[in-house]
Amino acid sequence: MAKNKLTLIKVGGKIVEEEATLKQLLNDFSQIEGHKVLVHGGGRSATRIAEQLGIESKMVGGRRITDAKTLEVVTMVYGGLVNKNIVAGLQAFGVNALGLTGADMDVIRSEKRPVKEIDYGFAGDVKAVKAETLKMLIDKNIVPIMAPLTHDGKGHILNTNADTIAAETAQALSEYYDVTLVYCFEKKGVLKDEHDDDSVIPQLDKDLYKKYVDEGVITGGMLPKLDNAFRSLEKGVTEVVITLASGIGKDTGTRIVN
């Protein structure tokens, strides 16, 4: 039997933290037909509010070191301020949104990242996504809006990378739906030339990806994004799209296919 389609959108903090881009996102997201889920970040708001509270933000390789005080800030900002602004905004567009962290209904359980070269503090690595719980909501036309927070099952909230939450949730939901995972970021897609914003590669399979990596066309921060995308395809996701936030629901960006 054919599965129903589901679109899972991951948006970075910058998009949901500025009024104009947030409004555009809410409008575009509300236009997506069928089942949908939104996973959001919110790092800049967390940094700003931490600063107002006199708490220093420490980053290593783009990832936040989450000490006890920082955990309080990200819990407030991601699970409260950013999440509820999105939920309220979507209600205005007629979307029956429900804000969730991984702790709500035990939707995403993680374990505290082990200390290796770096101690990330209260950072979580995803262990399990309860897709059947999300399905129960989705099938009632409730739209989950997921904050980048999970829990360890022992009463502790953990700060968790939003890209990872999006990938793991998409993979888990692919058991029940035909899932398209859309990563929204600041470029129009995967570029052939990083200095030319219009040099978008429209479609990438593994062979073409390997060729572009060998030729030095695709490098740097895009490599882990694409490795993550291909891993999602291997674990059941139908397609992954990397595009601008304004490209949501349109035939734009780079499609990653098996």
Protein backbone atom coordinates (compact mmCIF):
# COMPACT_ATOMS: atom_id res chain seq x y z
CA MET A 1 0.00 0.00 0.00
CA ALA A 2 1.30 3.45 -0.93
CA LYS A 3 2.40 5.59 2.01
CA ASN A 4 1.09 9.10 2.60
CA LYS A 5 3.57 11.87 1.87
CA LEU A 6 5.19 13.78 4.71
CA THR A 7 7.49 16.81 4.45
CA LEU A 8 9.93 17.47 7.29
CA ILE A 9 11.47 20.95 7.21
CA LYS A 10 14.57 21.89 9.21
CA VAL A 11 15.20 25.62 9.57
CA GLY A 12 18.17 27.33 11.16
CA GLY A 13 17.83 29.78 14.00
CA LYS A 14 18.54 32.85 11.86
CA ILE A 15 15.39 32.27 9.78
CA VAL A 16 13.04 31.93 12.78
CA GLU A 17 14.67 34.69 14.84
CA GLU A 18 14.06 37.63 12.47
CA GLU A 19 10.52 38.92 12.01
CA ALA A 20 10.52 39.26 8.21
CA THR A 21 12.11 35.87 7.47
CA LEU A 22 9.96 34.16 10.13
CA LYS A 23 6.75 35.51 8.59
CA GLN A 24 7.83 34.35 5.13
CA LEU A 25 8.72 30.91 6.52
CA LEU A 26 5.37 30.57 8.30
CA ASN A 27 3.53 31.50 5.11
CA ASP A 28 5.58 29.08 2.94
CA PHE A 29 5.29 26.27 5.50
CA SER A 30 1.52 26.73 5.78
CA GLN A 31 1.23 26.23 2.00
CA ILE A 32 2.83 22.77 2.05
CA GLU A 33 0.18 20.19 1.29
CA GLY A 34 -0.22 16.98 3.25
CA HIS A 35 1.47 15.94 6.49
CA LYS A 36 4.37 18.05 7.75
CA VAL A 37 6.78 18.55 10.63
CA LEU A 38 9.08 21.50 11.42
CA VAL A 39 12.39 21.25 13.31
CA HIS A 40 13.97 24.57 14.31
CA GLY A 41 17.16 25.98 15.79
CA GLY A 42 17.56 29.21 17.77
CA GLY A 43 21.22 29.62 18.63
CA ARG A 44 21.52 33.37 18.10
CA SER A 45 18.59 34.06 20.45
CA ALA A 46 20.18 31.79 23.06
CA THR A 47 23.49 33.64 22.73
CA ARG A 48 21.76 37.04 23.00
CA ILE A 49 19.72 36.14 26.08
CA ALA A 50 22.70 34.42 27.74
CA GLU A 51 24.65 37.66 27.25
CA GLN A 52 21.83 39.69 28.84
CA LEU A 53 21.98 37.32 31.82
CA GLY A 54 25.76 37.65 32.05
CA ILE A 55 26.42 34.08 30.88
CA GLU A 56 29.26 33.57 28.41
CA SER A 57 28.53 31.41 25.35
CA LYS A 58 31.33 28.99 24.47
CA MET A 59 31.42 27.39 20.99
CA VAL A 60 33.73 24.73 19.55
CA GLY A 61 33.50 23.95 15.83
CA GLY A 62 30.10 25.65 15.64
CA ARG A 63 28.70 23.58 18.53
CA ARG A 64 27.69 25.07 21.85
CA ILE A 65 29.33 23.95 25.09
CA THR A 66 26.29 23.46 27.34
CA ASP A 67 27.17 23.94 31.01
CA ALA A 68 24.42 23.99 33.68
CA LYS A 69 23.63 27.71 33.31
CA THR A 70 23.66 27.51 29.49
CA LEU A 71 21.29 24.53 29.66
CA GLU A 72 18.80 26.70 31.56
CA VAL A 73 19.06 29.37 28.85
CA VAL A 74 18.64 27.01 25.87
CA THR A 75 15.72 25.26 27.56
CA MET A 76 13.97 28.62 28.01
CA VAL A 77 14.85 29.94 24.56
CA TYR A 78 14.46 26.87 22.35
CA GLY A 79 11.57 25.21 24.18
CA GLY A 80 9.84 28.48 25.10
CA LEU A 81 10.56 31.72 23.28
CA VAL A 82 11.48 30.47 19.79
CA ASN A 83 9.19 27.41 19.74
CA LYS A 84 6.07 29.23 20.97
CA ASN A 85 6.62 32.19 18.61
CA ILE A 86 6.59 29.72 15.70
CA VAL A 87 3.56 27.85 17.06
CA ALA A 88 1.57 31.07 17.62
CA GLY A 89 2.59 32.35 14.18
CA LEU A 90 1.46 29.14 12.48
CA GLN A 91 -1.91 29.22 14.25
CA ALA A 92 -2.44 32.62 12.57
CA PHE A 93 -1.90 30.87 9.22
CA GLY A 94 -4.44 28.17 10.07
CA VAL A 95 -1.86 25.48 10.89
CA ASN A 96 -2.79 23.39 13.96
CA ALA A 97 0.75 23.41 15.38
CA LEU A 98 1.96 21.77 18.59
CA GLY A 99 5.35 22.69 20.09
CA LEU A 100 7.42 19.77 21.36
CA THR A 101 10.78 19.02 22.89
CA GLY A 102 12.08 15.46 22.86
CA ALA A 103 10.97 15.13 26.50
CA ASP A 104 7.30 15.69 25.63
CA MET A 105 5.61 12.28 25.39
CA ASP A 106 9.13 10.78 25.39
CA VAL A 107 9.34 11.58 21.67
CA ILE A 108 13.17 11.72 21.47
CA ARG A 109 15.47 10.11 23.98
CA SER A 110 19.19 10.83 24.00
CA GLU A 111 22.27 10.13 26.04
CA LYS A 112 24.72 12.72 27.29
CA ARG A 113 27.59 12.99 24.84
CA PRO A 114 30.63 11.19 26.26
CA VAL A 115 33.69 13.33 26.97
CA LYS A 116 36.47 12.74 24.44
CA GLU A 117 38.79 15.61 23.39
CA ILE A 118 36.03 18.10 24.28
CA ASP A 119 33.47 18.12 27.09
CA TYR A 120 30.28 19.44 25.45
CA GLY A 121 28.47 19.39 28.80
CA PHE A 122 24.73 18.71 28.65
CA ALA A 123 24.68 17.88 24.93
CA GLY A 124 22.61 14.92 23.76
CA ASP A 125 23.26 12.28 21.12
CA VAL A 126 19.95 10.87 19.83
CA LYS A 127 19.27 7.24 20.72
CA ALA A 128 15.58 6.73 19.88
CA VAL A 129 12.71 8.58 18.18
CA LYS A 130 9.18 7.41 19.01
CA ALA A 131 7.76 7.63 15.50
CA GLU A 132 4.49 5.94 16.50
CA THR A 133 3.78 8.78 18.99
CA LEU A 134 4.45 11.42 16.34
CA LYS A 135 2.29 9.45 13.88
CA MET A 136 -0.61 9.53 16.34
CA LEU A 137 -0.43 13.35 16.32
CA ILE A 138 0.24 13.73 12.59
CA ASP A 139 -2.67 11.47 11.61
CA LYS A 140 -4.97 13.80 13.62
CA ASN A 141 -3.70 16.70 11.46
CA ILE A 142 -1.61 18.10 14.32
CA VAL A 143 1.67 19.60 13.07
CA PRO A 144 4.67 18.94 15.40
CA ILE A 145 7.06 21.89 15.81
CA MET A 146 10.19 20.38 17.34
CA ALA A 147 12.72 22.31 19.42
CA PRO A 148 16.38 21.15 19.54
CA LEU A 149 16.04 19.69 23.05
CA THR A 150 15.82 16.02 24.06
CA HIS A 151 15.98 14.09 27.34
CA ASP A 152 17.85 11.14 28.81
CA GLY A 153 14.95 9.34 30.53
CA LYS A 154 16.47 10.18 33.94
CA GLY A 155 14.93 13.62 34.30
CA HIS A 156 17.56 15.64 32.43
CA ILE A 157 17.04 17.88 29.39
CA LEU A 158 19.85 17.77 26.80
CA ASN A 159 20.78 20.35 24.17
CA THR A 160 20.72 18.50 20.82
CA ASN A 161 21.78 19.47 17.30
CA ALA A 162 18.72 20.41 15.19
CA ASP A 163 20.16 18.89 11.96
CA THR A 164 20.54 15.57 13.80
CA ILE A 165 17.01 15.73 15.23
CA ALA A 166 15.65 16.40 11.72
CA ALA A 167 17.55 13.47 10.18
CA GLU A 168 16.73 10.99 12.96
CA THR A 169 13.04 12.00 13.00
CA ALA A 170 12.77 11.76 9.21
CA GLN A 171 14.36 8.31 9.27
CA ALA A 172 12.02 7.09 12.03
CA LEU A 173 8.90 8.47 10.31
CA SER A 174 9.87 6.85 6.99
CA GLU A 175 8.51 3.58 8.41
CA TYR A 176 5.03 5.11 8.12
CA TYR A 177 5.29 7.83 5.45
CA ASP A 178 6.93 8.73 2.17
CA VAL A 179 9.27 11.32 3.72
CA THR A 180 10.96 14.29 2.06
CA LEU A 181 13.54 15.95 4.36
CA VAL A 182 14.23 19.61 3.53
CA TYR A 183 17.26 21.40 5.01
CA CYS A 184 16.86 25.18 4.70
CA PHE A 185 20.00 27.27 4.88
CA GLU A 186 21.45 30.51 3.54
CA LYS A 187 22.37 29.31 0.01
CA LYS A 188 20.08 28.27 -2.86
CA GLY A 189 21.39 24.70 -2.70
CA VAL A 190 24.65 22.79 -3.13
CA LEU A 191 26.81 25.01 -5.34
CA LYS A 192 29.30 24.09 -8.08
CA ASP A 193 31.09 27.36 -7.36
CA GLU A 194 30.88 28.72 -3.80
CA HIS A 195 31.35 32.28 -5.18
CA ASP A 196 28.37 31.97 -7.56
CA ASP A 197 25.04 31.69 -5.72
CA ASP A 198 23.30 30.65 -8.95
CA SER A 199 25.57 27.64 -9.65
CA VAL A 200 23.13 25.23 -7.95
CA ILE A 201 23.58 21.51 -8.62
CA PRO A 202 19.93 20.48 -9.23
CA GLN A 203 20.32 16.79 -8.37
CA LEU A 204 23.00 14.70 -6.64
CA ASP A 205 23.31 10.94 -6.41
CA LYS A 206 26.20 9.10 -4.75
CA ASP A 207 28.28 8.72 -7.91
CA LEU A 208 28.04 12.41 -8.81
CA TYR A 209 28.72 13.37 -5.18
CA LYS A 210 31.90 11.25 -5.13
CA LYS A 211 33.02 12.82 -8.42
CA TYR A 212 32.50 16.37 -7.12
CA VAL A 213 34.32 15.57 -3.85
CA ASP A 214 37.27 14.04 -5.76
CA GLU A 215 37.42 17.13 -8.01
CA GLY A 216 37.31 19.49 -5.01
CA VAL A 217 33.98 21.02 -6.15
CA ILE A 218 32.19 20.10 -2.90
CA THR A 219 34.27 20.75 0.26
CA GLY A 220 34.16 21.96 3.86
CA GLY A 221 30.96 22.25 5.85
CA MET A 222 28.81 20.88 3.05
CA LEU A 223 30.44 17.41 3.37
CA PRO A 224 28.90 16.44 6.75
CA LYS A 225 25.51 17.83 5.58
CA LEU A 226 25.59 15.63 2.48
CA ASP A 227 26.93 12.57 4.31
CA ASN A 228 23.98 12.99 6.68
CA ALA A 229 21.62 13.32 3.70
CA PHE A 230 22.83 10.10 2.03
CA ARG A 231 22.66 8.27 5.38
CA SER A 232 19.01 9.36 5.68
CA LEU A 233 18.28 7.96 2.21
CA GLU A 234 19.90 4.65 3.19
CA LYS A 235 17.63 4.56 6.27
CA GLY A 236 14.36 4.97 4.39
CA VAL A 237 13.90 8.69 3.63
CA THR A 238 12.64 9.12 0.03
CA GLU A 239 14.50 12.31 -0.85
CA VAL A 240 16.48 15.09 0.80
CA VAL A 241 16.39 18.69 -0.46
CA ILE A 242 18.91 21.42 0.43
CA THR A 243 17.53 24.86 -0.39
CA LEU A 244 16.90 28.45 0.70
CA ALA A 245 14.11 28.95 3.24
CA SER A 246 12.23 30.89 0.56
CA GLY A 247 12.47 27.75 -1.61
CA ILE A 248 10.14 25.73 0.65
CA GLY A 249 7.41 24.07 -1.37
CA LYS A 250 8.94 25.21 -4.66
CA ASP A 251 10.95 23.18 -7.14
CA THR A 252 14.27 24.74 -6.14
CA GLY A 253 17.52 23.75 -4.47
CA THR A 254 19.47 20.51 -4.71
CA ARG A 255 17.68 17.17 -4.56
CA ILE A 256 19.70 14.35 -3.00
CA VAL A 257 18.54 10.98 -4.37
CA ASN A 258 19.56 7.33 -4.14
